[in-house]
Amino acid sequence: MEYTFEIKEIPAATLLTEKATCGHGEIGAKLAEILPHVGRRAGHFLMAGPPMCLYHDWREADCDIEAGVPIAGEPDLFGDIHVTHLPAHKAVTVVHVGYDTLSEAHEAVMHYLKENGMQPSGSPWESYIDDPGETGMDKARTLVGWPIG
């Protein structure tokens, strides 16, 4: 797939999230579990963007993720739902089509960073532009971002 890379200023965001550890091949299933759960809780707040996934630690066999939705305002919550503040930052971004091949977009951004002498300054994230239930898994668009200094 051919990508168009953009360097964007990403505004700060407040997200309602749930955290999980899962195998690389289980990310889609875990997101399918987490996002509706968080979405039900987020129904009390004004949504401020599409659902997102933040990658905190990527190990050989599994990873730590945090998935949820951006909201307006500052809620008080408890239990398994967290309030996460994503700081404003600059990021290299690409739009990828299809959920099953998202790793290709991450690899392409890593290659772009290396070719351009850049280093990531934080963990990557994904923002799900389309609902795969409406567009289909193979046509759903995702904005992939890697923070840079």
C-alpha atoms as a PDB file:
ATOM      1  CA  MET A   1       0.000   0.000   0.000  1.00  0.00           C
ATOM      2  CA  GLU A   2       1.266   3.484  -0.800  1.00  0.00           C
ATOM      3  CA  TYR A   3       1.047   5.988   2.061  1.00  0.00           C
ATOM      4  CA  THR A   4       0.970   9.762   2.258  1.00  0.00           C
ATOM      5  CA  PHE A   5       2.778  10.825   5.415  1.00  0.00           C
ATOM      6  CA  GLU A   6       1.801  14.018   7.217  1.00  0.00           C
ATOM      7  CA  ILE A   7       3.292  15.735  10.217  1.00  0.00           C
ATOM      8  CA  LYS A   8       0.379  17.089  12.251  1.00  0.00           C
ATOM      9  CA  GLU A   9      -0.106  19.037  15.439  1.00  0.00           C
ATOM     10  CA  ILE A  10      -2.398  16.820  17.514  1.00  0.00           C
ATOM     11  CA  PRO A  11      -4.477  18.727  20.095  1.00  0.00           C
ATOM     12  CA  ALA A  12      -4.718  17.565  23.698  1.00  0.00           C
ATOM     13  CA  ALA A  13      -7.617  15.214  24.369  1.00  0.00           C
ATOM     14  CA  THR A  14      -9.452  13.701  27.307  1.00  0.00           C
ATOM     15  CA  LEU A  15     -10.417  10.075  26.746  1.00  0.00           C
ATOM     16  CA  LEU A  16     -12.518   7.524  28.583  1.00  0.00           C
ATOM     17  CA  THR A  17     -10.520   4.302  28.301  1.00  0.00           C
ATOM     18  CA  GLU A  18     -10.098   0.737  29.418  1.00  0.00           C
ATOM     19  CA  LYS A  19      -6.683  -0.934  29.639  1.00  0.00           C
ATOM     20  CA  ALA A  20      -5.755  -4.466  28.625  1.00  0.00           C
ATOM     21  CA  THR A  21      -2.849  -6.776  27.871  1.00  0.00           C
ATOM     22  CA  CYS A  22      -3.298  -9.085  24.893  1.00  0.00           C
ATOM     23  CA  GLY A  23      -1.423 -11.037  22.258  1.00  0.00           C
ATOM     24  CA  HIS A  24      -0.679  -9.275  18.973  1.00  0.00           C
ATOM     25  CA  GLY A  25      -3.199 -11.430  17.120  1.00  0.00           C
ATOM     26  CA  GLU A  26      -5.878 -10.684  19.745  1.00  0.00           C
ATOM     27  CA  ILE A  27      -5.883  -6.869  19.451  1.00  0.00           C
ATOM     28  CA  GLY A  28      -8.930  -6.717  17.166  1.00  0.00           C
ATOM     29  CA  ALA A  29     -10.968  -9.003  19.406  1.00  0.00           C
ATOM     30  CA  LYS A  30      -9.911  -7.090  22.517  1.00  0.00           C
ATOM     31  CA  LEU A  31     -10.909  -3.768  20.896  1.00  0.00           C
ATOM     32  CA  ALA A  32     -14.266  -5.292  19.907  1.00  0.00           C
ATOM     33  CA  GLU A  33     -14.769  -6.064  23.612  1.00  0.00           C
ATOM     34  CA  ILE A  34     -13.427  -2.808  25.100  1.00  0.00           C
ATOM     35  CA  LEU A  35     -14.832  -0.151  22.775  1.00  0.00           C
ATOM     36  CA  PRO A  36     -18.553  -1.004  23.181  1.00  0.00           C
ATOM     37  CA  HIS A  37     -18.077  -1.225  26.974  1.00  0.00           C
ATOM     38  CA  VAL A  38     -16.413   2.195  27.107  1.00  0.00           C
ATOM     39  CA  GLY A  39     -18.912   3.556  24.572  1.00  0.00           C
ATOM     40  CA  ARG A  40     -21.828   2.669  26.862  1.00  0.00           C
ATOM     41  CA  ARG A  41     -20.206   4.633  29.696  1.00  0.00           C
ATOM     42  CA  ALA A  42     -19.276   7.493  27.351  1.00  0.00           C
ATOM     43  CA  GLY A  43     -22.932   7.898  26.362  1.00  0.00           C
ATOM     44  CA  HIS A  44     -23.292  10.352  29.258  1.00  0.00           C
ATOM     45  CA  PHE A  45     -20.683  12.679  27.755  1.00  0.00           C
ATOM     46  CA  LEU A  46     -20.290  14.622  24.523  1.00  0.00           C
ATOM     47  CA  MET A  47     -18.070  12.585  22.189  1.00  0.00           C
ATOM     48  CA  ALA A  48     -15.157  14.665  20.875  1.00  0.00           C
ATOM     49  CA  GLY A  49     -13.818  12.352  18.150  1.00  0.00           C
ATOM     50  CA  PRO A  50     -13.624   8.781  16.898  1.00  0.00           C
ATOM     51  CA  PRO A  51     -12.556   5.828  19.094  1.00  0.00           C
ATOM     52  CA  MET A  52      -8.821   5.412  19.680  1.00  0.00           C
ATOM     53  CA  CYS A  53      -6.266   2.856  20.812  1.00  0.00           C
ATOM     54  CA  LEU A  54      -3.036   3.845  22.580  1.00  0.00           C
ATOM     55  CA  TYR A  55      -0.149   1.380  22.577  1.00  0.00           C
ATOM     56  CA  HIS A  56       1.863   1.550  25.804  1.00  0.00           C
ATOM     57  CA  ASP A  57       4.232  -1.403  25.572  1.00  0.00           C
ATOM     58  CA  TRP A  58       4.932  -3.754  22.672  1.00  0.00           C
ATOM     59  CA  ARG A  59       6.656  -6.994  23.634  1.00  0.00           C
ATOM     60  CA  GLU A  60       7.555 -10.000  21.520  1.00  0.00           C
ATOM     61  CA  ALA A  61       4.348 -11.923  22.193  1.00  0.00           C
ATOM     62  CA  ASP A  62       1.911  -9.385  23.650  1.00  0.00           C
ATOM     63  CA  CYS A  63       1.264  -5.691  24.260  1.00  0.00           C
ATOM     64  CA  ASP A  64      -0.370  -3.267  26.679  1.00  0.00           C
ATOM     65  CA  ILE A  65      -3.134  -1.205  25.109  1.00  0.00           C
ATOM     66  CA  GLU A  66      -5.590   1.428  26.241  1.00  0.00           C
ATOM     67  CA  ALA A  67      -8.698   1.942  24.130  1.00  0.00           C
ATOM     68  CA  GLY A  68     -11.581   4.355  24.360  1.00  0.00           C
ATOM     69  CA  VAL A  69     -13.215   7.503  23.132  1.00  0.00           C
ATOM     70  CA  PRO A  70     -12.343  11.217  23.293  1.00  0.00           C
ATOM     71  CA  ILE A  71     -14.902  13.232  25.263  1.00  0.00           C
ATOM     72  CA  ALA A  72     -15.605  16.862  26.074  1.00  0.00           C
ATOM     73  CA  GLY A  73     -15.319  17.756  29.741  1.00  0.00           C
ATOM     74  CA  GLU A  74     -13.677  16.170  32.740  1.00  0.00           C
ATOM     75  CA  PRO A  75     -15.620  13.249  34.256  1.00  0.00           C
ATOM     76  CA  ASP A  76     -15.216  11.563  37.619  1.00  0.00           C
ATOM     77  CA  LEU A  77     -15.253   7.794  37.117  1.00  0.00           C
ATOM     78  CA  PHE A  78     -14.444   4.632  38.993  1.00  0.00           C
ATOM     79  CA  GLY A  79     -13.979   0.945  38.279  1.00  0.00           C
ATOM     80  CA  ASP A  80     -12.468  -0.328  35.057  1.00  0.00           C
ATOM     81  CA  ILE A  81     -13.032   2.899  33.079  1.00  0.00           C
ATOM     82  CA  HIS A  82     -10.165   5.401  33.229  1.00  0.00           C
ATOM     83  CA  VAL A  83      -9.778   9.044  32.333  1.00  0.00           C
ATOM     84  CA  THR A  84      -6.673   9.494  30.204  1.00  0.00           C
ATOM     85  CA  HIS A  85      -5.205  12.812  29.134  1.00  0.00           C
ATOM     86  CA  LEU A  86      -3.453  12.671  25.779  1.00  0.00           C
ATOM     87  CA  PRO A  87      -1.187  15.739  25.682  1.00  0.00           C
ATOM     88  CA  ALA A  88      -0.912  17.966  22.640  1.00  0.00           C
ATOM     89  CA  HIS A  89       1.925  16.707  20.467  1.00  0.00           C
ATOM     90  CA  LYS A  90       3.369  16.574  16.979  1.00  0.00           C
ATOM     91  CA  ALA A  91       2.970  13.247  15.175  1.00  0.00           C
ATOM     92  CA  VAL A  92       3.771  11.583  11.867  1.00  0.00           C
ATOM     93  CA  THR A  93       0.455  10.228  10.615  1.00  0.00           C
ATOM     94  CA  VAL A  94      -0.901   8.057   7.808  1.00  0.00           C
ATOM     95  CA  VAL A  95      -4.389   6.876   6.921  1.00  0.00           C
ATOM     96  CA  HIS A  96      -4.620   3.116   6.450  1.00  0.00           C
ATOM     97  CA  VAL A  97      -7.511   1.221   4.863  1.00  0.00           C
ATOM     98  CA  GLY A  98      -8.429  -2.186   6.303  1.00  0.00           C
ATOM     99  CA  TYR A  99      -8.134  -3.489   9.851  1.00  0.00           C
ATOM    100  CA  ASP A 100      -6.412  -6.785   9.148  1.00  0.00           C
ATOM    101  CA  THR A 101      -3.275  -5.097   7.780  1.00  0.00           C
ATOM    102  CA  LEU A 102      -2.818  -2.213  10.249  1.00  0.00           C
ATOM    103  CA  SER A 103       0.664  -3.429  11.172  1.00  0.00           C
ATOM    104  CA  GLU A 104       1.774  -2.421   7.648  1.00  0.00           C
ATOM    105  CA  ALA A 105       0.968   1.214   8.428  1.00  0.00           C
ATOM    106  CA  HIS A 106       2.994   1.101  11.651  1.00  0.00           C
ATOM    107  CA  GLU A 107       5.942  -0.460   9.815  1.00  0.00           C
ATOM    108  CA  ALA A 108       5.695   2.206   7.101  1.00  0.00           C
ATOM    109  CA  VAL A 109       5.761   5.022   9.676  1.00  0.00           C
ATOM    110  CA  MET A 110       8.773   3.459  11.434  1.00  0.00           C
ATOM    111  CA  HIS A 111      10.554   3.283   8.074  1.00  0.00           C
ATOM    112  CA  TYR A 112       9.617   6.917   7.301  1.00  0.00           C
ATOM    113  CA  LEU A 113      10.961   8.039  10.696  1.00  0.00           C
ATOM    114  CA  LYS A 114      14.250   6.219  10.128  1.00  0.00           C
ATOM    115  CA  GLU A 115      14.653   7.536   6.562  1.00  0.00           C
ATOM    116  CA  ASN A 116      14.059  11.102   7.759  1.00  0.00           C
ATOM    117  CA  GLY A 117      16.312  10.942  10.821  1.00  0.00           C
ATOM    118  CA  MET A 118      13.421  11.200  13.291  1.00  0.00           C
ATOM    119  CA  GLN A 119      12.835   9.386  16.549  1.00  0.00           C
ATOM    120  CA  PRO A 120       9.449   8.655  18.114  1.00  0.00           C
ATOM    121  CA  SER A 121       8.908  10.634  21.319  1.00  0.00           C
ATOM    122  CA  GLY A 122       6.075   8.486  22.644  1.00  0.00           C
ATOM    123  CA  SER A 123       3.907   5.483  22.008  1.00  0.00           C
ATOM    124  CA  PRO A 124       1.911   5.143  18.770  1.00  0.00           C
ATOM    125  CA  TRP A 125      -1.848   5.469  18.601  1.00  0.00           C
ATOM    126  CA  GLU A 126      -4.693   4.693  16.215  1.00  0.00           C
ATOM    127  CA  SER A 127      -7.870   6.698  15.649  1.00  0.00           C
ATOM    128  CA  TYR A 128     -10.668   4.723  14.002  1.00  0.00           C
ATOM    129  CA  ILE A 129     -12.208   6.997  11.366  1.00  0.00           C
ATOM    130  CA  ASP A 130     -14.835   4.535  10.144  1.00  0.00           C
ATOM    131  CA  ASP A 131     -17.059   2.045  11.918  1.00  0.00           C
ATOM    132  CA  PRO A 132     -16.162  -1.367  10.436  1.00  0.00           C
ATOM    133  CA  GLY A 133     -19.749  -2.475  11.074  1.00  0.00           C
ATOM    134  CA  GLU A 134     -20.850   0.099   8.497  1.00  0.00           C
ATOM    135  CA  THR A 135     -17.966   0.079   5.998  1.00  0.00           C
ATOM    136  CA  GLY A 136     -16.676  -3.484   6.395  1.00  0.00           C
ATOM    137  CA  MET A 137     -13.335  -4.501   7.899  1.00  0.00           C
ATOM    138  CA  ASP A 138     -11.534  -4.261   4.555  1.00  0.00           C
ATOM    139  CA  LYS A 139     -12.674  -0.653   3.852  1.00  0.00           C
ATOM    140  CA  ALA A 140     -12.526   0.880   7.333  1.00  0.00           C
ATOM    141  CA  ARG A 141     -10.039   3.761   7.595  1.00  0.00           C
ATOM    142  CA  THR A 142      -7.705   4.270  10.554  1.00  0.00           C
ATOM    143  CA  LEU A 143      -5.466   7.260  11.268  1.00  0.00           C
ATOM    144  CA  VAL A 144      -2.157   5.906  12.613  1.00  0.00           C
ATOM    145  CA  GLY A 145       0.032   8.351  14.554  1.00  0.00           C
ATOM    146  CA  TRP A 146       3.539   8.228  15.973  1.00  0.00           C
ATOM    147  CA  PRO A 147       4.501  11.137  18.276  1.00  0.00           C
ATOM    148  CA  ILE A 148       7.747  12.952  17.391  1.00  0.00           C
ATOM    149  CA  GLY A 149       9.806  15.528  19.288  1.00  0.00           C
END
